[in-house]
């Protein structure tokens, strides 16, 4: 069962992270939280664990209109918000992977027609952001 949409971009990690923020913003998402997994692992688990995970950030992306509609349909959906988007280093320094939660996961858990509408809208927006990133060509 797949629960994310992913794209590999021919960009170094720092640039991929900035471009991801911009692509999400273009689709009406703000970033509520940002978890630097590498820094957290280094602080809590040590340098070896940090190096193993590598550059890895979880962006808590939120589109307020979509969140409002989702919570109106089912207040319990707050446990699944915001939409998490991961940016992580690729297998080589010139590439990165960007993954977003598949909003249809909410529908599989809920089954509500109102939640389906919100998930469809969120899915369209997240896929559009990933499509922008996927269209980037190596320099």
Protein backbone atom coordinates (compact mmCIF):
# COMPACT_ATOMS: atom_id res chain seq x y z
CA UNK A 1 0.00 0.00 0.00
CA UNK A 2 1.47 3.33 -1.04
CA UNK A 3 0.85 6.29 1.20
CA UNK A 4 3.11 8.90 -0.41
CA UNK A 5 3.72 10.60 -3.73
CA UNK A 6 7.43 10.98 -4.51
CA UNK A 7 9.71 12.63 -7.01
CA UNK A 8 13.50 12.59 -7.37
CA UNK A 9 14.86 15.99 -8.37
CA UNK A 10 18.29 16.67 -9.86
CA UNK A 11 19.12 19.26 -7.19
CA UNK A 12 21.36 19.28 -4.16
CA UNK A 13 19.49 19.00 -0.87
CA UNK A 14 19.52 22.70 0.16
CA UNK A 15 18.21 23.84 -3.22
CA UNK A 16 15.59 21.08 -3.31
CA UNK A 17 14.37 22.17 0.12
CA UNK A 18 14.00 25.80 -0.97
CA UNK A 19 12.29 24.86 -4.24
CA UNK A 20 9.92 22.55 -2.34
CA UNK A 21 8.91 25.38 0.00
CA UNK A 22 8.26 27.61 -3.03
CA UNK A 23 6.26 24.94 -4.91
CA UNK A 24 4.09 24.31 -1.84
CA UNK A 25 3.53 28.04 -1.39
CA UNK A 26 2.37 28.34 -5.01
CA UNK A 27 -0.32 25.76 -4.17
CA UNK A 28 -1.52 27.66 -1.08
CA UNK A 29 0.41 25.71 1.55
CA UNK A 30 2.29 27.37 4.37
CA UNK A 31 4.86 25.59 6.50
CA UNK A 32 3.66 25.25 10.10
CA UNK A 33 6.48 23.05 11.32
CA UNK A 34 9.90 22.01 10.16
CA UNK A 35 11.65 19.06 11.72
CA UNK A 36 15.34 18.68 10.92
CA UNK A 37 15.64 14.93 11.45
CA UNK A 38 19.42 14.92 11.00
CA UNK A 39 19.93 17.57 13.69
CA UNK A 40 17.51 15.80 16.03
CA UNK A 41 19.25 12.46 15.56
CA UNK A 42 22.63 14.07 16.14
CA UNK A 43 21.44 15.67 19.37
CA UNK A 44 19.55 12.63 20.68
CA UNK A 45 21.35 9.64 19.14
CA UNK A 46 24.80 10.86 18.12
CA UNK A 47 26.75 11.70 14.99
CA UNK A 48 26.63 8.18 13.56
CA UNK A 49 22.81 8.09 13.55
CA UNK A 50 22.72 11.58 12.04
CA UNK A 51 25.11 10.59 9.27
CA UNK A 52 23.12 7.44 8.54
CA UNK A 53 19.85 9.34 8.00
CA UNK A 54 21.62 12.19 6.21
CA UNK A 55 19.97 15.45 5.25
CA UNK A 56 16.29 14.91 5.99
CA UNK A 57 13.60 17.48 6.80
CA UNK A 58 9.90 16.98 7.46
CA UNK A 59 7.83 20.02 6.47
CA UNK A 60 4.41 20.31 8.11
CA UNK A 61 2.54 21.90 5.20
CA UNK A 62 -0.92 23.36 5.75
CA UNK A 63 -3.46 24.94 3.46
CA UNK A 64 -5.78 26.71 5.94
CA UNK A 65 -8.84 26.46 3.70
CA UNK A 66 -8.41 22.72 3.23
CA UNK A 67 -7.68 22.19 6.92
CA UNK A 68 -10.82 24.12 7.88
CA UNK A 69 -12.96 22.01 5.55
CA UNK A 70 -11.41 18.77 6.80
CA UNK A 71 -11.94 19.63 10.47
CA UNK A 72 -15.52 20.74 9.78
CA UNK A 73 -16.18 17.36 8.17
CA UNK A 74 -14.45 15.35 10.89
CA UNK A 75 -12.75 17.00 13.88
CA UNK A 76 -10.69 13.83 14.44
CA UNK A 77 -8.77 14.50 11.21
CA UNK A 78 -6.66 16.97 13.14
CA UNK A 79 -4.57 13.97 14.13
CA UNK A 80 -3.57 13.62 10.45
CA UNK A 81 -2.82 17.30 9.84
CA UNK A 82 -0.72 19.04 8.63
CA UNK A 83 0.19 17.35 5.35
CA UNK A 84 3.75 16.13 5.83
CA UNK A 85 6.25 16.65 3.04
CA UNK A 86 9.72 15.11 3.32
CA UNK A 87 12.82 16.43 1.59
CA UNK A 88 15.83 14.14 1.85
CA UNK A 89 19.20 13.85 0.22
CA UNK A 90 19.46 11.51 -2.72
CA UNK A 91 21.93 8.76 -3.34
CA UNK A 92 24.35 11.30 -4.80
CA UNK A 93 25.01 14.93 -3.78
CA UNK A 94 23.27 16.28 -6.89
CA UNK A 95 19.86 14.72 -6.28
CA UNK A 96 17.16 14.81 -3.64
CA UNK A 97 13.90 13.01 -3.00
CA UNK A 98 10.69 14.86 -2.15
CA UNK A 99 7.76 12.86 -0.77
CA UNK A 100 4.31 14.05 0.23
CA UNK A 101 1.62 12.19 2.11
CA UNK A 102 -1.11 10.88 -0.16
CA UNK A 103 -4.24 12.68 1.12
CA UNK A 104 -6.33 9.71 0.00
CA UNK A 105 -5.01 8.02 3.14
CA UNK A 106 -7.49 10.18 5.07
CA UNK A 107 -10.32 8.86 2.90
CA UNK A 108 -9.32 5.25 3.50
CA UNK A 109 -9.52 5.94 7.23
CA UNK A 110 -12.70 8.02 7.14
CA UNK A 111 -14.93 7.14 4.19
CA UNK A 112 -16.78 10.46 4.51
CA UNK A 113 -17.82 12.14 1.21
CA UNK A 114 -16.85 15.54 2.65
CA UNK A 115 -13.40 14.22 3.54
CA UNK A 116 -13.14 12.77 0.01
CA UNK A 117 -13.68 16.25 -1.45
CA UNK A 118 -10.99 17.78 0.76
CA UNK A 119 -8.58 14.93 0.05
CA UNK A 120 -9.13 15.27 -3.70
CA UNK A 121 -8.36 19.00 -3.53
CA UNK A 122 -5.28 18.47 -1.34
CA UNK A 123 -4.11 15.67 -3.61
CA UNK A 124 -4.40 17.87 -6.70
CA UNK A 125 -2.41 20.64 -5.01
CA UNK A 126 0.33 18.39 -3.62
CA UNK A 127 0.72 16.60 -6.94
CA UNK A 128 0.95 19.96 -8.72
CA UNK A 129 3.77 21.02 -6.37
CA UNK A 130 5.59 17.73 -7.01
CA UNK A 131 5.02 18.09 -10.76
CA UNK A 132 6.79 21.47 -10.68
CA UNK A 133 9.71 19.87 -8.88
CA UNK A 134 9.68 16.87 -11.20
CA UNK A 135 9.98 19.18 -14.19
CA UNK A 136 13.32 20.57 -13.00
CA UNK A 137 16.18 19.49 -15.24
CA UNK A 138 19.80 18.99 -14.19
CA UNK A 139 22.05 21.96 -14.82
